[in-house]
Amino acid sequence: NVFVVPADSPFKTMKDVVAQMQKDPGSVKWGGGS
């Protein structure tokens, strides 16, 4: 699996995503298969 973000996303790295998850897990929407 490769994880991607839109080109204009404020998240530049996975560490940015993790930091936001730790702050507010529900604010990070993960999209994928079923």
Full PDB file with SEQRES, HELIX, SHEET, SSBOND, CRYST1, ORIGX, SCALE, CONECT and MASTER records, all heavy atoms in Angstrom:
SEQRES   1 A   34  ASN VAL PHE VAL VAL PRO ALA ASP SER PRO PHE LYS THR          
SEQRES   2 A   34  MET LYS ASP VAL VAL ALA GLN MET GLN LYS ASP PRO GLY          
SEQRES   3 A   34  SER VAL LYS TRP GLY GLY GLY SER                              
HELIX    1 AA1 MET A   14  LYS A   23  1                                  10    
HELIX    2 AA2 PRO A   25  SER A   27  5                                   3    
CRYST1    1.000    1.000    1.000  90.00  90.00  90.00 P 1           1          
ORIGX1      1.000000  0.000000  0.000000        0.00000                         
ORIGX2      0.000000  1.000000  0.000000        0.00000                         
ORIGX3      0.000000  0.000000  1.000000        0.00000                         
SCALE1      1.000000  0.000000  0.000000        0.00000                         
SCALE2      0.000000  1.000000  0.000000        0.00000                         
SCALE3      0.000000  0.000000  1.000000        0.00000                         
ATOM      1  N   ASN A   1       0.829  -1.204   0.000  1.00  0.00           N  
ATOM      2  CA  ASN A   1       0.000   0.000   0.000  1.00  0.00           C  
ATOM      3  C   ASN A   1       0.866   1.256   0.000  1.00  0.00           C  
ATOM      4  O   ASN A   1       1.840   1.348   0.760  1.00  0.00           O  
ATOM      5  CB  ASN A   1      -0.911   0.034   1.221  1.00  0.00           C  
ATOM      6  CG  ASN A   1      -2.086  -0.913   1.086  1.00  0.00           C  
ATOM      7  OD1 ASN A   1      -2.211  -1.855   1.850  1.00  0.00           O  
ATOM      8  ND2 ASN A   1      -2.941  -0.680   0.108  1.00  0.00           N  
ATOM      9  N   VAL A   2       0.479   2.191  -0.832  1.00  0.00           N  
ATOM     10  CA  VAL A   2       1.101   3.509  -0.852  1.00  0.00           C  
ATOM     11  C   VAL A   2       0.074   4.499  -0.312  1.00  0.00           C  
ATOM     12  O   VAL A   2      -1.100   4.458  -0.694  1.00  0.00           O  
ATOM     13  CB  VAL A   2       1.509   3.900  -2.291  1.00  0.00           C  
ATOM     14  CG1 VAL A   2       1.927   5.368  -2.360  1.00  0.00           C  
ATOM     15  CG2 VAL A   2       2.644   3.007  -2.778  1.00  0.00           C  
ATOM     16  N   PHE A   3       0.515   5.370   0.586  1.00  0.00           N  
ATOM     17  CA  PHE A   3      -0.363   6.416   1.108  1.00  0.00           C  
ATOM     18  C   PHE A   3      -0.025   7.731   0.410  1.00  0.00           C  
ATOM     19  O   PHE A   3       1.147   8.083   0.261  1.00  0.00           O  
ATOM     20  CB  PHE A   3      -0.218   6.558   2.622  1.00  0.00           C  
ATOM     21  CG  PHE A   3      -0.860   5.429   3.375  1.00  0.00           C  
ATOM     22  CD1 PHE A   3      -0.077   4.512   4.080  1.00  0.00           C  
ATOM     23  CD2 PHE A   3      -2.232   5.259   3.377  1.00  0.00           C  
ATOM     24  CE1 PHE A   3      -0.666   3.465   4.754  1.00  0.00           C  
ATOM     25  CE2 PHE A   3      -2.829   4.210   4.053  1.00  0.00           C  
ATOM     26  CZ  PHE A   3      -2.045   3.305   4.745  1.00  0.00           C  
ATOM     27  N   VAL A   4      -1.071   8.426  -0.020  1.00  0.00           N  
ATOM     28  CA  VAL A   4      -0.884   9.689  -0.739  1.00  0.00           C  
ATOM     29  C   VAL A   4      -1.772  10.770  -0.139  1.00  0.00           C  
ATOM     30  O   VAL A   4      -2.760  10.481   0.546  1.00  0.00           O  
ATOM     31  CB  VAL A   4      -1.235   9.541  -2.241  1.00  0.00           C  
ATOM     32  CG1 VAL A   4      -0.329   8.521  -2.922  1.00  0.00           C  
ATOM     33  CG2 VAL A   4      -2.707   9.154  -2.428  1.00  0.00           C  
ATOM     34  N   VAL A   5      -1.411  12.013  -0.427  1.00  0.00           N  
ATOM     35  CA  VAL A   5      -2.253  13.161  -0.068  1.00  0.00           C  
ATOM     36  C   VAL A   5      -2.429  14.003  -1.334  1.00  0.00           C  
ATOM     37  O   VAL A   5      -1.619  13.916  -2.262  1.00  0.00           O  
ATOM     38  CB  VAL A   5      -1.615  14.018   1.056  1.00  0.00           C  
ATOM     39  CG1 VAL A   5      -1.536  13.224   2.352  1.00  0.00           C  
ATOM     40  CG2 VAL A   5      -0.232  14.521   0.645  1.00  0.00           C  
ATOM     41  N   PRO A   6      -3.493  14.798  -1.408  1.00  0.00           N  
ATOM     42  CA  PRO A   6      -3.644  15.696  -2.563  1.00  0.00           C  
ATOM     43  C   PRO A   6      -2.443  16.633  -2.653  1.00  0.00           C  
ATOM     44  O   PRO A   6      -1.810  16.954  -1.640  1.00  0.00           O  
ATOM     45  CB  PRO A   6      -4.929  16.467  -2.249  1.00  0.00           C  
ATOM     46  CG  PRO A   6      -5.660  15.631  -1.248  1.00  0.00           C  
ATOM     47  CD  PRO A   6      -4.602  14.934  -0.453  1.00  0.00           C  
ATOM     48  N   ALA A   7      -2.138  17.094  -3.845  1.00  0.00           N  
ATOM     49  CA  ALA A   7      -0.953  17.935  -4.053  1.00  0.00           C  
ATOM     50  C   ALA A   7      -0.961  19.198  -3.192  1.00  0.00           C  
ATOM     51  O   ALA A   7       0.089  19.665  -2.752  1.00  0.00           O  
ATOM     52  CB  ALA A   7      -0.839  18.308  -5.525  1.00  0.00           C  
ATOM     53  N   ASP A   8      -2.159  19.751  -2.945  1.00  0.00           N  
ATOM     54  CA  ASP A   8      -2.244  20.996  -2.169  1.00  0.00           C  
ATOM     55  C   ASP A   8      -2.506  20.759  -0.687  1.00  0.00           C  
ATOM     56  O   ASP A   8      -2.872  21.677   0.054  1.00  0.00           O  
ATOM     57  CB  ASP A   8      -3.323  21.916  -2.745  1.00  0.00           C  
ATOM     58  CG  ASP A   8      -4.715  21.261  -2.737  1.00  0.00           C  
ATOM     59  OD1 ASP A   8      -4.819  20.075  -2.352  1.00  0.00           O  
ATOM     60  OD2 ASP A   8      -5.692  21.936  -3.114  1.00  0.00           O  
ATOM     61  N   SER A   9      -2.314  19.523  -0.219  1.00  0.00           N  
ATOM     62  CA  SER A   9      -2.564  19.190   1.183  1.00  0.00           C  
ATOM     63  C   SER A   9      -1.576  19.904   2.113  1.00  0.00           C  
ATOM     64  O   SER A   9      -0.403  20.069   1.773  1.00  0.00           O  
ATOM     65  CB  SER A   9      -2.433  17.680   1.384  1.00  0.00           C  
ATOM     66  OG  SER A   9      -2.440  17.349   2.765  1.00  0.00           O  
ATOM     67  N   PRO A  10      -2.061  20.317   3.283  1.00  0.00           N  
ATOM     68  CA  PRO A  10      -1.139  20.897   4.269  1.00  0.00           C  
ATOM     69  C   PRO A  10      -0.196  19.845   4.851  1.00  0.00           C  
ATOM     70  O   PRO A  10       0.834  20.178   5.447  1.00  0.00           O  
ATOM     71  CB  PRO A  10      -2.076  21.458   5.347  1.00  0.00           C  
ATOM     72  CG  PRO A  10      -3.328  20.637   5.215  1.00  0.00           C  
ATOM     73  CD  PRO A  10      -3.455  20.343   3.755  1.00  0.00           C  
ATOM     74  N   PHE A  11      -0.543  18.557   4.688  1.00  0.00           N  
ATOM     75  CA  PHE A  11       0.325  17.483   5.160  1.00  0.00           C  
ATOM     76  C   PHE A  11       1.424  17.222   4.137  1.00  0.00           C  
ATOM     77  O   PHE A  11       1.142  16.838   2.995  1.00  0.00           O  
ATOM     78  CB  PHE A  11      -0.465  16.183   5.389  1.00  0.00           C  
ATOM     79  CG  PHE A  11      -1.581  16.303   6.396  1.00  0.00           C  
ATOM     80  CD1 PHE A  11      -2.851  15.816   6.101  1.00  0.00           C  
ATOM     81  CD2 PHE A  11      -1.372  16.894   7.634  1.00  0.00           C  
ATOM     82  CE1 PHE A  11      -3.884  15.910   7.023  1.00  0.00           C  
ATOM     83  CE2 PHE A  11      -2.399  17.002   8.561  1.00  0.00           C  
ATOM     84  CZ  PHE A  11      -3.657  16.513   8.259  1.00  0.00           C  
ATOM     85  N   LYS A  12       2.666  17.430   4.546  1.00  0.00           N  
ATOM     86  CA  LYS A  12       3.792  17.220   3.634  1.00  0.00           C  
ATOM     87  C   LYS A  12       4.426  15.841   3.823  1.00  0.00           C  
ATOM     88  O   LYS A  12       5.004  15.289   2.890  1.00  0.00           O  
ATOM     89  CB  LYS A  12       4.865  18.300   3.857  1.00  0.00           C  
ATOM     90  CG  LYS A  12       4.343  19.722   3.733  1.00  0.00           C  
ATOM     91  CD  LYS A  12       3.712  19.986   2.374  1.00  0.00           C  
ATOM     92  CE  LYS A  12       3.194  21.423   2.266  1.00  0.00           C  
ATOM     93  NZ  LYS A  12       2.435  21.662   1.016  1.00  0.00           N  
ATOM     94  N   THR A  13       4.313  15.315   5.036  1.00  0.00           N  
ATOM     95  CA  THR A  13       4.922  14.025   5.357  1.00  0.00           C  
ATOM     96  C   THR A  13       3.964  13.213   6.227  1.00  0.00           C  
ATOM     97  O   THR A  13       2.967  13.741   6.747  1.00  0.00           O  
ATOM     98  CB  THR A  13       6.240  14.206   6.135  1.00  0.00           C  
ATOM     99  OG1 THR A  13       5.938  14.778   7.418  1.00  0.00           O  
ATOM    100  CG2 THR A  13       7.213  15.118   5.382  1.00  0.00           C  
ATOM    101  N   MET A  14       4.299  11.942   6.426  1.00  0.00           N  
ATOM    102  CA  MET A  14       3.499  11.102   7.313  1.00  0.00           C  
ATOM    103  C   MET A  14       3.583  11.609   8.753  1.00  0.00           C  
ATOM    104  O   MET A  14       2.624  11.471   9.527  1.00  0.00           O  
ATOM    105  CB  MET A  14       3.950   9.648   7.221  1.00  0.00           C  
ATOM    106  CG  MET A  14       3.071   8.664   7.992  1.00  0.00           C  
ATOM    107  SD  MET A  14       1.326   8.671   7.467  1.00  0.00           S  
ATOM    108  CE  MET A  14       1.432   7.830   5.883  1.00  0.00           C  
ATOM    109  N   LYS A  15       4.685  12.209   9.113  1.00  0.00           N  
ATOM    110  CA  LYS A  15       4.820  12.764  10.471  1.00  0.00           C  
ATOM    111  C   LYS A  15       3.796  13.877  10.706  1.00  0.00           C  
ATOM    112  O   LYS A  15       3.270  14.028  11.817  1.00  0.00           O  
ATOM    113  CB  LYS A  15       6.246  13.284  10.698  1.00  0.00           C  
ATOM    114  CG  LYS A  15       7.287  12.169  10.807  1.00  0.00           C  
ATOM    115  CD  LYS A  15       8.642  12.707  11.204  1.00  0.00           C  
ATOM    116  CE  LYS A  15       9.695  11.609  11.220  1.00  0.00           C  
ATOM    117  NZ  LYS A  15       9.429  10.551  12.198  1.00  0.00           N  
ATOM    118  N   ASP A  16       3.503  14.660   9.676  1.00  0.00           N  
ATOM    119  CA  ASP A  16       2.471  15.698   9.787  1.00  0.00           C  
ATOM    120  C   ASP A  16       1.100  15.062  10.044  1.00  0.00           C  
ATOM    121  O   ASP A  16       0.311  15.553  10.858  1.00  0.00           O  
ATOM    122  CB  ASP A  16       2.402  16.533   8.505  1.00  0.00           C  
ATOM    123  CG  ASP A  16       3.652  17.346   8.244  1.00  0.00           C  
ATOM    124  OD1 ASP A  16       4.389  17.604   9.215  1.00  0.00           O  
ATOM    125  OD2 ASP A  16       3.888  17.707   7.081  1.00  0.00           O  
ATOM    126  N   VAL A  17       0.834  13.965   9.340  1.00  0.00           N  
ATOM    127  CA  VAL A  17      -0.437  13.258   9.501  1.00  0.00           C  
ATOM    128  C   VAL A  17      -0.545  12.708  10.923  1.00  0.00           C  
ATOM    129  O   VAL A  17      -1.585  12.847  11.587  1.00  0.00           O  
ATOM    130  CB  VAL A  17      -0.555  12.107   8.478  1.00  0.00           C  
ATOM    131  CG1 VAL A  17      -1.803  11.272   8.749  1.00  0.00           C  
ATOM    132  CG2 VAL A  17      -0.589  12.665   7.055  1.00  0.00           C  
ATOM    133  N   VAL A  18       0.529  12.103  11.392  1.00  0.00           N  
ATOM    134  CA  VAL A  18       0.537  11.516  12.736  1.00  0.00           C  
ATOM    135  C   VAL A  18       0.325  12.590  13.797  1.00  0.00           C  
ATOM    136  O   VAL A  18      -0.444  12.401  14.751  1.00  0.00           O  
ATOM    137  CB  VAL A  18       1.852  10.753  12.988  1.00  0.00           C  
ATOM    138  CG1 VAL A  18       2.011  10.401  14.460  1.00  0.00           C  
ATOM    139  CG2 VAL A  18       1.894   9.484  12.129  1.00  0.00           C  
ATOM    140  N   ALA A  19       0.979  13.721  13.633  1.00  0.00           N  
ATOM    141  CA  ALA A  19       0.839  14.807  14.608  1.00  0.00           C  
ATOM    142  C   ALA A  19      -0.618  15.261  14.704  1.00  0.00           C  
ATOM    143  O   ALA A  19      -1.142  15.505  15.803  1.00  0.00           O  
ATOM    144  CB  ALA A  19       1.738  15.977  14.227  1.00  0.00           C  
ATOM    145  N   GLN A  20      -1.293  15.349  13.558  1.00  0.00           N  
ATOM    146  CA  GLN A  20      -2.694  15.757  13.558  1.00  0.00           C  
ATOM    147  C   GLN A  20      -3.587  14.666  14.158  1.00  0.00           C  
ATOM    148  O   GLN A  20      -4.553  14.966  14.871  1.00  0.00           O  
ATOM    149  CB  GLN A  20      -3.138  16.085  12.130  1.00  0.00           C  
ATOM    150  CG  GLN A  20      -4.559  16.622  12.020  1.00  0.00           C  
ATOM    151  CD  GLN A  20      -4.777  17.907  12.793  1.00  0.00           C  
ATOM    152  OE1 GLN A  20      -3.860  18.739  12.910  1.00  0.00           O  
ATOM    153  NE2 GLN A  20      -5.969  18.087  13.347  1.00  0.00           N  
ATOM    154  N   MET A  21      -3.266  13.404  13.870  1.00  0.00           N  
ATOM    155  CA  MET A  21      -4.019  12.288  14.459  1.00  0.00           C  
ATOM    156  C   MET A  21      -3.929  12.316  15.984  1.00  0.00           C  
ATOM    157  O   MET A  21      -4.915  12.090  16.675  1.00  0.00           O  
ATOM    158  CB  MET A  21      -3.465  10.947  13.967  1.00  0.00           C  
ATOM    159  CG  MET A  21      -3.952  10.488  12.616  1.00  0.00           C  
ATOM    160  SD  MET A  21      -3.230   8.876  12.194  1.00  0.00           S  
ATOM    161  CE  MET A  21      -4.080   7.807  13.337  1.00  0.00           C  
ATOM    162  N   GLN A  22      -2.736  12.575  16.487  1.00  0.00           N  
ATOM    163  CA  GLN A  22      -2.544  12.598  17.943  1.00  0.00           C  
ATOM    164  C   GLN A  22      -3.279  13.761  18.580  1.00  0.00           C  
ATOM    165  O   GLN A  22      -3.732  13.673  19.720  1.00  0.00           O  
ATOM    166  CB  GLN A  22      -1.046  12.652  18.254  1.00  0.00           C  
ATOM    167  CG  GLN A  22      -0.311  11.359  17.892  1.00  0.00           C  
ATOM    168  CD  GLN A  22       1.194  11.480  18.015  1.00  0.00           C  
ATOM    169  OE1 GLN A  22       1.780  12.539  17.739  1.00  0.00           O  
ATOM    170  NE2 GLN A  22       1.841  10.396  18.430  1.00  0.00           N  
ATOM    171  N   LYS A  23      -3.429  14.838  17.831  1.00  0.00           N  
ATOM    172  CA  LYS A  23      -4.134  16.011  18.333  1.00  0.00           C  
ATOM    173  C   LYS A  23      -5.653  15.808  18.261  1.00  0.00           C  
ATOM    174  O   LYS A  23      -6.384  16.105  19.204  1.00  0.00           O  
ATOM    175  CB  LYS A  23      -3.737  17.243  17.503  1.00  0.00           C  
ATOM    176  CG  LYS A  23      -4.259  18.564  18.041  1.00  0.00           C  
ATOM    177  CD  LYS A  23      -3.959  19.710  17.060  1.00  0.00           C  
ATOM    178  CE  LYS A  23      -2.474  19.817  16.773  1.00  0.00           C  
ATOM    179  NZ  LYS A  23      -2.189  20.953  15.838  1.00  0.00           N  
ATOM    180  N   ASP A  24      -6.132  15.293  17.110  1.00  0.00           N  
ATOM    181  CA  ASP A  24      -7.566  15.117  16.880  1.00  0.00           C  
ATOM    182  C   ASP A  24      -7.757  13.995  15.845  1.00  0.00           C  
ATOM    183  O   ASP A  24      -7.804  14.260  14.637  1.00  0.00           O  
ATOM    184  CB  ASP A  24      -8.181  16.433  16.370  1.00  0.00           C  
ATOM    185  CG  ASP A  24      -9.686  16.318  16.120  1.00  0.00           C  
ATOM    186  OD1 ASP A  24     -10.274  15.265  16.458  1.00  0.00           O  
ATOM    187  OD2 ASP A  24     -10.261  17.291  15.578  1.00  0.00           O  
ATOM    188  N   PRO A  25      -7.852  12.744  16.298  1.00  0.00           N  
ATOM    189  CA  PRO A  25      -7.909  11.595  15.379  1.00  0.00           C  
ATOM    190  C   PRO A  25      -8.996  11.707  14.315  1.00  0.00           C  
ATOM    191  O   PRO A  25      -8.773  11.383  13.147  1.00  0.00           O  
ATOM    192  CB  PRO A  25      -8.191  10.409  16.309  1.00  0.00           C  
ATOM    193  CG  PRO A  25      -7.686  10.842  17.634  1.00  0.00           C  
ATOM    194  CD  PRO A  25      -7.919  12.317  17.703  1.00  0.00           C  
ATOM    195  N   GLY A  26     -10.164  12.201  14.692  1.00  0.00           N  
ATOM    196  CA  GLY A  26     -11.276  12.270  13.749  1.00  0.00           C  
ATOM    197  C   GLY A  26     -11.098  13.282  12.643  1.00  0.00           C  
ATOM    198  O   GLY A  26     -11.788  13.216  11.618  1.00  0.00           O  
ATOM    199  N   SER A  27     -10.170  14.205  12.812  1.00  0.00           N  
ATOM    200  CA  SER A  27      -9.979  15.254  11.807  1.00  0.00           C  
ATOM    201  C   SER A  27      -9.201  14.757  10.588  1.00  0.00           C  
ATOM    202  O   SER A  27      -9.155  15.434   9.563  1.00  0.00           O  
ATOM    203  CB  SER A  27      -9.258  16.453  12.421  1.00  0.00           C  
ATOM    204  OG  SER A  27      -7.926  16.109  12.778  1.00  0.00           O  
ATOM    205  N   VAL A  28      -8.574  13.598  10.718  1.00  0.00           N  
ATOM    206  CA  VAL A  28      -7.836  13.015   9.601  1.00  0.00           C  
ATOM    207  C   VAL A  28      -8.714  11.944   8.948  1.00  0.00           C  
ATOM    208  O   VAL A  28      -8.997  10.913   9.550  1.00  0.00           O  
ATOM    209  CB  VAL A  28      -6.503  12.389  10.055  1.00  0.00           C  
ATOM    210  CG1 VAL A  28      -5.784  11.756   8.861  1.00  0.00           C  
ATOM    211  CG2 VAL A  28      -5.625  13.434  10.727  1.00  0.00           C  
ATOM    212  N   LYS A  29      -9.149  12.199   7.736  1.00  0.00           N  
ATOM    213  CA  LYS A  29      -9.980  11.225   7.014  1.00  0.00           C  
ATOM    214  C   LYS A  29      -9.101  10.345   6.136  1.00  0.00           C  
ATOM    215  O   LYS A  29      -8.396  10.838   5.255  1.00  0.00           O  
ATOM    216  CB  LYS A  29     -10.995  11.952   6.120  1.00  0.00           C  
ATOM    217  CG  LYS A  29     -12.137  12.612   6.857  1.00  0.00           C  
ATOM    218  CD  LYS A  29     -13.137  13.174   5.846  1.00  0.00           C  
ATOM    219  CE  LYS A  29     -14.321  13.827   6.535  1.00  0.00           C  
ATOM    220  NZ  LYS A  29     -15.276  14.381   5.548  1.00  0.00           N  
ATOM    221  N   TRP A  30      -9.153   9.044   6.404  1.00  0.00           N  
ATOM    222  CA  TRP A  30      -8.412   8.074   5.604  1.00  0.00           C  
ATOM    223  C   TRP A  30      -9.362   7.484   4.561  1.00  0.00           C  
ATOM    224  O   TRP A  30     -10.432   6.991   4.905  1.00  0.00           O  
ATOM    225  CB  TRP A  30      -7.879   6.949   6.485  1.00  0.00           C  
ATOM    226  CG  TRP A  30      -6.893   7.389   7.519  1.00  0.00           C  
ATOM    227  CD1 TRP A  30      -7.176   7.957   8.722  1.00  0.00           C  
ATOM    228  CD2 TRP A  30      -5.471   7.309   7.430  1.00  0.00           C  
ATOM    229  NE1 TRP A  30      -6.011   8.233   9.397  1.00  0.00           N  
ATOM    230  CE2 TRP A  30      -4.945   7.839   8.621  1.00  0.00           C  
ATOM    231  CE3 TRP A  30      -4.587   6.833   6.455  1.00  0.00           C  
ATOM    232  CZ2 TRP A  30      -3.574   7.911   8.872  1.00  0.00           C  
ATOM    233  CZ3 TRP A  30      -3.217   6.895   6.703  1.00  0.00           C  
ATOM    234  CH2 TRP A  30      -2.720   7.446   7.891  1.00  0.00           C  
ATOM    235  N   GLY A  31      -8.981   7.507   3.301  1.00  0.00           N  
ATOM    236  CA  GLY A  31      -9.837   6.971   2.249  1.00  0.00           C  
ATOM    237  C   GLY A  31      -9.203   5.779   1.562  1.00  0.00           C  
ATOM    238  O   GLY A  31      -7.991   5.749   1.325  1.00  0.00           O  
ATOM    239  N   GLY A  32     -10.022   4.771   1.269  1.00  0.00           N  
ATOM    240  CA  GLY A  32      -9.505   3.591   0.585  1.00  0.00           C  
ATOM    241  C   GLY A  32     -10.615   2.616   0.269  1.00  0.00           C  
ATOM    242  O   GLY A  32     -11.775   2.991   0.151  1.00  0.00           O  
ATOM    243  N   GLY A  33     -10.250   1.343   0.148  1.00  0.00           N  
ATOM    244  CA  GLY A  33     -11.221   0.306  -0.166  1.00  0.00           C  
ATOM    245  C   GLY A  33     -12.153   0.029   0.995  1.00  0.00           C  
ATOM    246  O   GLY A  33     -12.167   0.742   2.008  1.00  0.00           O  
ATOM    247  N   SER A  34     -12.925  -1.014   0.852  1.00  0.00           N  
ATOM    248  CA  SER A  34     -13.950  -1.344   1.837  1.00  0.00           C  
ATOM    249  C   SER A  34     -13.379  -1.568   3.232  1.00  0.00           C  
ATOM    250  O   SER A  34     -12.173  -1.765   3.409  1.00  0.00           O  
ATOM    251  CB  SER A  34     -14.696  -2.612   1.400  1.00  0.00           C  
ATOM    252  OG  SER A  34     -15.256  -2.451   0.117  1.00  0.00           O  
TER     253      SER A  34                                                      
MASTER        0    0    0    2    0    0    0    6  252    1    0    3          
END                                                                             
